[in-house]
Amino acid sequence: ANFIITFRETLEAALVVGIVLSILKKMEEEKKNKYVYLAVISGIAFSFLGAFLFESLAGGFKGRAEQIFEGIVMLSGAFLITTMILWMMKQKNISENLASKVTMHAEQSNPLGIFLIVFIAILREGIETVIFLSASSEMSGGNFNILGAVLGIVSAIILGFIFFNMTKKMNLKLFFNISGILLILFAAGLVGYGVHELEEAKILSPIIYPIWDINWFLNEKGNLGSVLKGLFGYNGNPSLLETIFYLSYLITVMILWFKLKKK
């Protein structure tokens, strides 16, 4: 899950940076590249600051308060993933709109405008990554797969570099479609786990717990089970309320996704 999260978020940021640099090169305005690089560094720095503040806040909760906080983080993460994916599905001319804004700022000799476009994009992806990775870590029982996260970042940077240096551009649509479906499944897991945490905190009633228990066959704490839990929120003994929320979210969002895909 960490690889998918950092790969997609980093690739989105890399594409924004690549588009901006390409436009400036076409306009022979490479002297403004320094504002792009400054925006990237600033965006990353503020993302790390956000991660530090987030972890400091999370570490201050114990017991029931911690369960409530984790439940809110899970549900917030699912909401952010959903809005991000559905919004991108609606935007058919993202690169064209971005190019027109960069062109306008370059023609008006407005380096601050170029800086803000890149800075906001990097910061947005950075904050989303912090929230998603935190949720993924909690869903995996507090285990953070740093190798997967780093590989995702490195792979996305390499792919972004290759994409903008190829004479014949590769089609990234298939990648975004596949990663979109995987992230929807991941978000469904966040919904289920978020509900579970709120049940533990006695905020929600499980209705029936458990409705089944297949941990004897596929234990969520085993090798395969823990991977499935981290990716899709697998739970070997869920409550009825968890299952209702999980399936309701998954069915609703997949229907919306396929409807937008057909447009």
Protein backbone atom coordinates (compact mmCIF):
# COMPACT_ATOMS: atom_id res chain seq x y z
CA ALA A 1 0.00 0.00 0.00
CA ASN A 2 2.84 2.40 0.84
CA PHE A 3 4.40 1.84 -2.59
CA ILE A 4 1.11 2.57 -4.38
CA ILE A 5 0.48 5.69 -2.27
CA THR A 6 3.91 7.29 -2.66
CA PHE A 7 4.21 6.22 -6.31
CA ARG A 8 0.94 7.83 -7.34
CA GLU A 9 1.31 10.98 -5.22
CA THR A 10 4.92 11.54 -6.29
CA LEU A 11 4.09 10.90 -9.95
CA GLU A 12 1.28 13.47 -9.84
CA ALA A 13 3.68 16.02 -8.35
CA ALA A 14 6.40 15.10 -10.87
CA LEU A 15 3.99 15.56 -13.78
CA VAL A 16 3.09 19.07 -12.57
CA VAL A 17 6.77 20.00 -12.27
CA GLY A 18 7.54 18.45 -15.66
CA ILE A 19 4.70 20.30 -17.40
CA VAL A 20 5.77 23.64 -15.90
CA LEU A 21 9.42 23.13 -16.91
CA SER A 22 8.37 22.05 -20.42
CA ILE A 23 6.26 25.18 -20.89
CA LEU A 24 9.07 27.44 -19.69
CA LYS A 25 11.48 25.70 -22.07
CA LYS A 26 9.11 26.19 -25.03
CA MET A 27 8.79 29.86 -24.16
CA GLU A 28 12.59 30.15 -23.78
CA GLU A 29 12.04 31.25 -20.19
CA GLU A 30 14.41 28.74 -18.56
CA LYS A 31 15.73 31.52 -16.33
CA LYS A 32 12.51 31.10 -14.37
CA ASN A 33 13.29 27.42 -13.68
CA LYS A 34 14.89 28.47 -10.38
CA TYR A 35 11.44 29.43 -9.06
CA VAL A 36 10.17 25.95 -9.91
CA TYR A 37 13.05 24.28 -8.07
CA LEU A 38 12.60 26.63 -5.11
CA ALA A 39 8.89 25.74 -5.02
CA VAL A 40 9.71 22.00 -5.04
CA ILE A 41 12.18 22.36 -2.15
CA SER A 42 9.76 24.57 -0.19
CA GLY A 43 6.84 22.21 -0.80
CA ILE A 44 8.85 19.20 0.39
CA ALA A 45 10.11 21.11 3.45
CA PHE A 46 6.60 22.17 4.47
CA SER A 47 5.36 18.61 3.87
CA PHE A 48 7.97 17.29 6.32
CA LEU A 49 6.93 19.99 8.78
CA GLY A 50 3.31 18.88 8.36
CA ALA A 51 4.34 15.26 8.95
CA PHE A 52 6.18 16.23 12.14
CA LEU A 53 3.22 18.22 13.47
CA PHE A 54 0.80 15.44 12.54
CA GLU A 55 2.85 12.76 14.31
CA SER A 56 3.31 15.03 17.34
CA LEU A 57 -0.44 15.50 17.53
CA ALA A 58 -1.14 11.79 17.06
CA GLY A 59 1.37 10.85 19.76
CA GLY A 60 -0.45 12.96 22.31
CA PHE A 61 -3.54 10.74 22.35
CA LYS A 62 -3.90 7.66 24.55
CA GLY A 63 -6.62 5.10 25.18
CA ARG A 64 -10.11 6.03 24.00
CA ALA A 65 -8.95 9.41 22.67
CA GLU A 66 -6.37 7.61 20.51
CA GLN A 67 -9.04 5.28 19.11
CA ILE A 68 -11.28 8.23 18.26
CA PHE A 69 -8.37 10.09 16.64
CA GLU A 70 -7.36 7.05 14.58
CA GLY A 71 -10.96 6.50 13.50
CA ILE A 72 -11.22 10.11 12.33
CA VAL A 73 -7.87 9.87 10.49
CA MET A 74 -9.02 6.69 8.70
CA LEU A 75 -12.33 8.20 7.59
CA SER A 76 -10.63 11.48 6.60
CA GLY A 77 -8.09 9.55 4.55
CA ALA A 78 -10.86 7.65 2.76
CA PHE A 79 -12.66 10.93 2.04
CA LEU A 80 -9.51 12.56 0.63
CA ILE A 81 -8.70 9.57 -1.58
CA THR A 82 -12.26 9.45 -2.89
CA THR A 83 -12.47 13.16 -3.70
CA MET A 84 -9.00 13.09 -5.32
CA ILE A 85 -9.83 10.16 -7.60
CA LEU A 86 -13.30 11.34 -8.60
CA TRP A 87 -12.07 14.91 -9.15
CA MET A 88 -9.31 13.68 -11.47
CA MET A 89 -11.83 11.57 -13.36
CA LYS A 90 -13.88 14.72 -14.02
CA GLN A 91 -10.90 16.78 -15.20
CA LYS A 92 -10.28 16.04 -18.85
CA ASN A 93 -7.96 18.98 -19.55
CA ILE A 94 -5.79 19.24 -16.44
CA SER A 95 -2.51 19.61 -18.35
CA GLU A 96 -4.00 22.20 -20.75
CA ASN A 97 -5.37 24.29 -17.88
CA LEU A 98 -2.05 24.10 -16.05
CA ALA A 99 -0.14 25.05 -19.20
CA SER A 100 -2.35 28.10 -19.80
CA LYS A 101 -1.78 29.35 -16.22
CA VAL A 102 1.99 28.90 -16.47
CA THR A 103 2.05 30.63 -19.86
CA MET A 104 0.06 33.57 -18.49
CA HIS A 105 2.38 34.00 -15.48
CA ALA A 106 5.50 33.69 -17.66
CA GLU A 107 4.22 36.27 -20.16
CA GLN A 108 3.38 38.65 -17.33
CA SER A 109 6.81 38.09 -15.74
CA ASN A 110 5.11 36.87 -12.58
CA PRO A 111 7.53 34.37 -10.97
CA LEU A 112 5.43 34.29 -7.79
CA GLY A 113 2.52 32.84 -9.78
CA ILE A 114 4.75 30.08 -11.17
CA PHE A 115 6.18 29.42 -7.70
CA LEU A 116 2.72 29.11 -6.13
CA ILE A 117 1.44 26.71 -8.81
CA VAL A 118 4.27 24.27 -8.11
CA PHE A 119 4.45 24.88 -4.35
CA ILE A 120 0.73 24.25 -3.80
CA ALA A 121 0.86 21.09 -5.95
CA ILE A 122 3.85 19.69 -4.03
CA LEU A 123 2.41 20.64 -0.64
CA ARG A 124 -1.00 19.13 -1.48
CA GLU A 125 0.52 15.83 -2.57
CA GLY A 126 2.83 15.88 0.46
CA ILE A 127 0.03 16.40 2.98
CA GLU A 128 -2.11 13.73 1.30
CA THR A 129 0.85 11.33 1.44
CA VAL A 130 1.35 11.98 5.17
CA ILE A 131 -2.31 11.25 5.95
CA PHE A 132 -2.50 8.19 3.68
CA LEU A 133 0.74 6.68 4.99
CA SER A 134 -0.33 7.27 8.58
CA ALA A 135 -3.65 5.55 7.91
CA SER A 136 -1.90 2.68 6.11
CA SER A 137 0.51 2.25 9.02
CA GLU A 138 -2.30 2.12 11.57
CA MET A 139 -4.25 -0.35 9.45
CA SER A 140 -1.12 -2.56 9.30
CA GLY A 141 -0.92 -2.66 13.08
CA GLY A 142 1.53 0.23 13.44
CA ASN A 143 4.07 -1.28 11.02
CA PHE A 144 5.47 1.29 8.58
CA ASN A 145 6.98 -0.14 5.39
CA ILE A 146 9.61 2.51 4.70
CA LEU A 147 11.16 0.48 1.86
CA GLY A 148 7.87 0.40 -0.06
CA ALA A 149 7.39 4.14 0.46
CA VAL A 150 10.92 4.99 -0.72
CA LEU A 151 10.68 2.67 -3.74
CA GLY A 152 7.40 4.33 -4.69
CA ILE A 153 8.98 7.80 -4.61
CA VAL A 154 12.09 6.76 -6.55
CA SER A 155 10.09 4.82 -9.16
CA ALA A 156 7.74 7.77 -9.73
CA ILE A 157 10.63 10.22 -10.18
CA ILE A 158 12.31 7.88 -12.69
CA LEU A 159 9.05 7.36 -14.61
CA GLY A 160 8.38 11.10 -14.64
CA PHE A 161 11.89 11.77 -15.99
CA ILE A 162 11.49 9.12 -18.70
CA PHE A 163 8.04 10.45 -19.63
CA PHE A 164 9.25 14.00 -20.26
CA ASN A 165 12.40 12.90 -22.10
CA MET A 166 10.74 10.51 -24.55
CA THR A 167 10.04 11.69 -28.08
CA LYS A 168 6.93 9.49 -28.13
CA LYS A 169 4.99 10.01 -24.92
CA MET A 170 3.75 6.96 -23.04
CA ASN A 171 0.08 6.78 -22.13
CA LEU A 172 -0.34 7.16 -18.36
CA LYS A 173 -4.12 6.74 -18.49
CA LEU A 174 -3.93 2.97 -17.86
CA PHE A 175 -1.69 3.51 -14.84
CA PHE A 176 -4.05 6.07 -13.30
CA ASN A 177 -7.04 3.79 -13.93
CA ILE A 178 -5.38 0.79 -12.23
CA SER A 179 -3.98 2.81 -9.32
CA GLY A 180 -7.38 4.51 -8.97
CA ILE A 181 -9.13 1.17 -8.47
CA LEU A 182 -6.45 0.00 -6.00
CA LEU A 183 -6.78 3.24 -4.03
CA ILE A 184 -10.57 2.88 -3.92
CA LEU A 185 -10.11 -0.61 -2.43
CA PHE A 186 -7.57 0.84 0.00
CA ALA A 187 -10.01 3.62 0.95
CA ALA A 188 -12.75 1.04 1.55
CA GLY A 189 -10.37 -0.63 3.99
CA LEU A 190 -9.85 2.73 5.72
CA VAL A 191 -13.62 3.13 6.07
CA GLY A 192 -13.96 -0.32 7.62
CA TYR A 193 -11.00 0.19 9.96
CA GLY A 194 -12.19 3.68 10.90
CA VAL A 195 -15.58 2.30 11.87
CA HIS A 196 -13.82 -0.46 13.84
CA GLU A 197 -11.83 2.12 15.83
CA LEU A 198 -14.98 4.11 16.62
CA GLU A 199 -16.62 0.88 17.75
CA GLU A 200 -13.66 0.24 20.05
CA ALA A 201 -14.12 3.74 21.46
CA LYS A 202 -17.82 2.99 22.08
CA ILE A 203 -18.87 5.77 19.69
CA LEU A 204 -20.59 3.31 17.34
CA SER A 205 -22.34 0.02 18.02
CA PRO A 206 -21.09 -3.03 16.07
CA ILE A 207 -24.71 -4.36 15.90
CA ILE A 208 -23.39 -7.93 15.62
CA TYR A 209 -19.79 -8.87 16.41
CA PRO A 210 -18.42 -10.83 14.73
CA ILE A 211 -20.67 -11.79 11.83
CA TRP A 212 -18.07 -14.40 10.88
CA ASP A 213 -14.58 -15.46 11.93
CA ILE A 214 -12.26 -16.92 9.30
CA ASN A 215 -9.00 -16.13 11.08
CA TRP A 216 -8.51 -19.89 11.44
CA PHE A 217 -8.23 -20.01 7.64
CA LEU A 218 -6.65 -16.63 6.81
CA ASN A 219 -5.44 -14.87 9.92
CA GLU A 220 -5.26 -11.09 9.56
CA LYS A 221 -2.07 -11.16 11.64
CA GLY A 222 -0.40 -13.79 9.44
CA ASN A 223 1.94 -13.06 6.53
CA LEU A 224 -0.70 -12.96 3.78
CA GLY A 225 -3.45 -11.63 6.03
CA SER A 226 -1.37 -8.67 7.21
CA VAL A 227 -0.55 -7.74 3.61
CA LEU A 228 -4.23 -7.87 2.64
CA LYS A 229 -5.10 -5.87 5.74
CA GLY A 230 -2.59 -3.17 4.85
CA LEU A 231 -3.74 -3.04 1.23
CA PHE A 232 -7.49 -3.48 1.42
CA GLY A 233 -8.43 -3.48 5.11
CA TYR A 234 -8.94 -7.25 5.34
CA ASN A 235 -10.55 -8.26 8.64
CA GLY A 236 -11.00 -11.92 9.52
CA ASN A 237 -13.71 -11.23 12.09
CA PRO A 238 -15.55 -7.99 11.24
CA SER A 239 -18.67 -6.61 12.84
CA LEU A 240 -21.90 -6.18 10.92
CA LEU A 241 -21.56 -2.38 10.98
CA GLU A 242 -18.00 -2.54 9.57
CA THR A 243 -19.17 -4.78 6.75
CA ILE A 244 -22.14 -2.54 5.93
CA PHE A 245 -19.93 0.57 5.74
CA TYR A 246 -17.21 -1.24 3.78
CA LEU A 247 -19.55 -2.64 1.13
CA SER A 248 -21.70 0.50 0.93
CA TYR A 249 -18.66 2.67 0.32
CA LEU A 250 -17.09 0.26 -2.17
CA ILE A 251 -20.26 -0.23 -4.24
CA THR A 252 -21.17 3.47 -4.28
CA VAL A 253 -17.71 4.75 -5.25
CA MET A 254 -17.12 2.06 -7.88
CA ILE A 255 -20.46 2.93 -9.52
CA LEU A 256 -19.46 6.62 -9.57
CA TRP A 257 -16.02 5.73 -10.92
CA PHE A 258 -17.38 3.68 -13.82
CA LYS A 259 -19.99 6.35 -14.63
CA LEU A 260 -17.30 9.04 -14.83
CA LYS A 261 -15.06 6.74 -16.86
CA LYS A 262 -17.76 6.34 -19.51
CA LYS A 263 -18.15 10.10 -19.98
